[in-house]
Amino acid sequence: MISEAPVSAVTVLLQWQGPSVRKDAAATYAADVFSDALNTPGSGFQQRLVDSGLWQAVGVNYYTLDQKGPITISGQASPEKLRDALAALQKEIEKLDDPGYFTAAELKNVKAARATESAFGIERASGLAHTIGFWWAVADLDYFLEYVDTMAKQTPEDLRRYAARYIVGKPKVTGVLISPGDRASLKLTEQELVQGAIQ
């Protein structure tokens, strides 16, 4: 889908159907570590896409839900770099389930940061009440109580398995927000996005 608005940068959003916390809880832990690993400044993913200058920013997110939590990759690129940026992102997505894409060493720091963030999130009574209420509605209290310990057990193979099951080669929705002038200049079509023909 392509939407037009008077914007200077092009915003791109890709979305997949992710795991259900009730049907595949194991994958939801991997999803969180996976997203954090890709979002870490200096990660290979960020180096190849953002530090290279192709993208201004790229972020990965999984939102835990009872039914099909969405997996999202979103980013901004300049119009003149859009085709190269999308091609590089697609190439990166195709490698997400490759053995060796993630290492145990890089995951160690990612998991420690997530554990710290979780601890700070429940430090205040108001934060704890909100967090418990959310997890009670979405999963159950055991999921909440066991989250940090289970998340800390995730391995590169768990992340690879998650990417293979829910992202690599799986159906996705692609959305682009671009100015009318830039779209006309690029001759960007929805068919091009659907076919993945941007090169």
Protein backbone atom coordinates (compact mmCIF):
# COMPACT_ATOMS: atom_id res chain seq x y z
CA MET A 1 0.00 0.00 0.00
CA ILE A 2 1.27 3.48 -0.85
CA SER A 3 0.01 6.59 0.93
CA GLU A 4 0.89 10.10 -0.16
CA ALA A 5 1.51 13.09 2.11
CA PRO A 6 3.76 16.16 2.06
CA VAL A 7 6.72 14.46 3.74
CA SER A 8 10.44 14.86 3.10
CA ALA A 9 11.60 11.35 3.99
CA VAL A 10 9.93 8.12 2.92
CA THR A 11 8.54 5.95 5.72
CA VAL A 12 8.34 2.20 5.12
CA LEU A 13 6.50 -0.35 7.26
CA LEU A 14 6.62 -4.12 6.81
CA GLN A 15 4.42 -6.34 8.96
CA TRP A 16 3.99 -10.07 9.49
CA GLN A 17 1.66 -12.13 11.65
CA GLY A 18 3.70 -13.20 14.65
CA PRO A 19 3.23 -15.81 17.34
CA SER A 20 0.27 -16.10 19.68
CA VAL A 21 1.40 -16.04 23.30
CA ARG A 22 -1.08 -18.81 24.15
CA LYS A 23 -0.23 -21.06 21.20
CA ASP A 24 3.52 -20.48 20.86
CA ALA A 25 4.77 -18.80 24.02
CA ALA A 26 8.34 -19.96 23.40
CA ALA A 27 8.51 -17.92 20.21
CA THR A 28 7.39 -14.75 22.00
CA TYR A 29 10.49 -14.80 24.21
CA ALA A 30 12.68 -15.30 21.15
CA ALA A 31 10.80 -12.48 19.40
CA ASP A 32 11.69 -9.97 22.11
CA VAL A 33 15.38 -10.89 22.14
CA PHE A 34 15.41 -10.97 18.32
CA SER A 35 14.01 -7.42 18.09
CA ASP A 36 16.38 -6.08 20.73
CA ALA A 37 19.38 -7.69 19.01
CA LEU A 38 18.52 -6.11 15.66
CA ASN A 39 17.80 -2.72 17.22
CA THR A 40 21.10 -2.56 19.13
CA PRO A 41 23.37 0.21 17.80
CA GLY A 42 26.40 -1.38 16.21
CA SER A 43 24.66 -4.67 15.39
CA GLY A 44 25.36 -6.07 11.95
CA PHE A 45 21.76 -5.31 10.97
CA GLN A 46 22.11 -1.63 11.92
CA GLN A 47 25.58 -1.35 10.39
CA ARG A 48 24.50 -2.68 7.01
CA LEU A 49 21.27 -0.70 6.83
CA VAL A 50 21.67 2.52 8.85
CA ASP A 51 25.40 3.06 9.36
CA SER A 52 25.87 2.42 5.63
CA GLY A 53 23.70 5.48 4.92
CA LEU A 54 20.96 3.61 3.07
CA TRP A 55 18.40 4.13 5.85
CA GLN A 56 18.06 7.07 8.22
CA ALA A 57 16.64 4.69 10.85
CA VAL A 58 15.27 1.13 11.02
CA GLY A 59 13.48 -0.50 13.96
CA VAL A 60 12.14 -3.99 14.63
CA ASN A 61 9.29 -4.78 17.01
CA TYR A 62 7.08 -7.66 18.13
CA TYR A 63 3.95 -6.88 20.15
CA THR A 64 2.91 -9.76 22.38
CA LEU A 65 -0.79 -10.62 22.03
CA ASP A 66 -3.07 -13.56 22.69
CA GLN A 67 -3.76 -13.91 18.96
CA LYS A 68 -1.15 -13.24 16.27
CA GLY A 69 1.00 -10.48 17.69
CA PRO A 70 2.32 -8.29 14.88
CA ILE A 71 5.97 -8.27 13.84
CA THR A 72 6.99 -4.92 12.40
CA ILE A 73 10.05 -3.56 10.66
CA SER A 74 9.79 0.15 10.00
CA GLY A 75 12.21 2.77 8.80
CA GLN A 76 12.82 6.05 7.03
CA ALA A 77 14.90 6.64 3.92
CA SER A 78 15.47 9.51 1.53
CA PRO A 79 13.54 9.22 -1.75
CA GLU A 80 16.70 8.96 -3.84
CA LYS A 81 17.91 6.00 -1.76
CA LEU A 82 14.55 4.22 -1.42
CA ARG A 83 15.06 1.49 -4.00
CA ASP A 84 18.56 0.63 -2.78
CA ALA A 85 17.37 0.80 0.85
CA LEU A 86 14.46 -1.57 0.24
CA ALA A 87 16.66 -3.97 -1.71
CA ALA A 88 19.20 -4.03 1.14
CA LEU A 89 16.45 -4.58 3.71
CA GLN A 90 14.98 -7.45 1.72
CA LYS A 91 18.43 -9.04 1.44
CA GLU A 92 18.86 -8.70 5.20
CA ILE A 93 15.44 -10.23 5.91
CA GLU A 94 16.31 -13.25 3.78
CA LYS A 95 19.36 -13.92 5.99
CA LEU A 96 17.62 -13.64 9.37
CA ASP A 97 17.33 -17.43 9.73
CA ASP A 98 20.88 -18.18 8.62
CA PRO A 99 23.01 -20.12 11.13
CA GLY A 100 25.49 -17.70 12.64
CA TYR A 101 23.42 -14.57 11.99
CA PHE A 102 23.21 -14.10 15.77
CA THR A 103 25.96 -15.02 18.23
CA ALA A 104 25.65 -16.00 21.87
CA ALA A 105 28.03 -13.18 22.82
CA GLU A 106 25.87 -10.42 21.34
CA LEU A 107 22.73 -11.89 22.88
CA LYS A 108 24.25 -11.82 26.37
CA ASN A 109 24.21 -8.01 26.54
CA VAL A 110 20.80 -7.79 24.86
CA LYS A 111 19.21 -10.11 27.43
CA ALA A 112 20.83 -8.26 30.33
CA ALA A 113 19.45 -4.96 29.04
CA ARG A 114 15.95 -6.45 28.66
CA ALA A 115 16.07 -7.84 32.21
CA THR A 116 17.09 -4.42 33.57
CA GLU A 117 14.31 -2.70 31.60
CA SER A 118 11.77 -5.19 32.96
CA ALA A 119 12.94 -4.57 36.53
CA PHE A 120 12.65 -0.79 36.18
CA GLY A 121 9.19 -1.22 34.66
CA ILE A 122 7.81 -2.71 37.86
CA GLU A 123 9.72 -0.55 40.33
CA ARG A 124 6.76 1.76 40.94
CA ALA A 125 3.37 0.52 42.10
CA SER A 126 1.61 2.24 39.20
CA GLY A 127 3.95 0.59 36.69
CA LEU A 128 3.55 -2.80 38.36
CA ALA A 129 -0.25 -2.56 38.34
CA HIS A 130 -0.29 -1.68 34.64
CA THR A 131 2.17 -4.45 33.76
CA ILE A 132 0.33 -7.14 35.73
CA GLY A 133 -2.99 -6.03 34.26
CA PHE A 134 -1.63 -6.27 30.72
CA TRP A 135 -0.09 -9.73 31.14
CA TRP A 136 -3.12 -11.05 32.99
CA ALA A 137 -5.27 -10.03 30.02
CA VAL A 138 -2.88 -11.16 27.28
CA ALA A 139 -1.35 -14.31 28.74
CA ASP A 140 -1.37 -15.17 32.45
CA LEU A 141 0.52 -14.30 35.60
CA ASP A 142 2.91 -17.24 35.23
CA TYR A 143 4.09 -15.79 31.91
CA PHE A 144 4.79 -12.48 33.65
CA LEU A 145 6.53 -14.08 36.64
CA GLU A 146 8.72 -16.35 34.49
CA TYR A 147 9.45 -13.80 31.75
CA VAL A 148 12.95 -12.64 32.70
CA ASP A 149 14.27 -16.13 33.45
CA THR A 150 12.82 -17.65 30.28
CA MET A 151 13.92 -14.73 28.12
CA ALA A 152 17.47 -15.13 29.47
CA LYS A 153 17.58 -18.72 28.18
CA GLN A 154 17.09 -17.74 24.54
CA THR A 155 19.83 -18.92 22.19
CA PRO A 156 20.85 -17.96 18.64
CA GLU A 157 19.08 -21.13 17.49
CA ASP A 158 15.84 -20.01 19.17
CA LEU A 159 16.03 -16.70 17.28
CA ARG A 160 16.82 -18.47 14.01
CA ARG A 161 13.84 -20.79 14.49
CA TYR A 162 11.56 -17.81 15.22
CA ALA A 163 12.70 -15.95 12.09
CA ALA A 164 12.23 -19.06 9.93
CA ARG A 165 8.75 -19.73 11.25
CA TYR A 166 7.33 -16.21 11.20
CA ILE A 167 9.39 -13.90 8.96
CA VAL A 168 11.68 -15.32 6.28
CA GLY A 169 9.66 -16.17 3.19
CA LYS A 170 6.35 -15.57 4.98
CA PRO A 171 3.50 -13.34 3.70
CA LYS A 172 3.80 -9.73 4.77
CA VAL A 173 2.13 -6.37 4.27
CA THR A 174 4.24 -3.48 2.97
CA GLY A 175 3.25 0.15 3.39
CA VAL A 176 5.02 3.25 2.10
CA LEU A 177 4.35 6.89 3.01
CA ILE A 178 5.82 9.21 0.37
CA SER A 179 5.23 12.67 -1.05
CA PRO A 180 3.22 12.83 -4.30
CA GLY A 181 6.14 14.47 -6.11
CA ASP A 182 8.65 11.85 -5.01
CA ARG A 183 6.29 9.03 -5.93
CA ALA A 184 5.81 10.49 -9.39
CA SER A 185 9.56 11.00 -9.79
CA LEU A 186 10.31 7.42 -8.75
CA LYS A 187 7.32 5.99 -10.63
CA LEU A 188 6.67 3.86 -7.55
CA THR A 189 3.71 1.47 -7.86
CA GLU A 190 1.91 -0.79 -5.42
CA GLN A 191 2.46 -3.69 -7.84
CA GLU A 192 6.19 -3.13 -7.49
CA LEU A 193 5.92 -3.43 -3.70
CA VAL A 194 3.70 -6.54 -3.86
CA GLN A 195 6.07 -8.31 -6.23
CA GLY A 196 9.12 -7.27 -4.25
CA ALA A 197 10.51 -5.99 -7.51
CA ILE A 198 12.18 -2.91 -6.06
CA GLN A 199 15.86 -3.10 -6.92
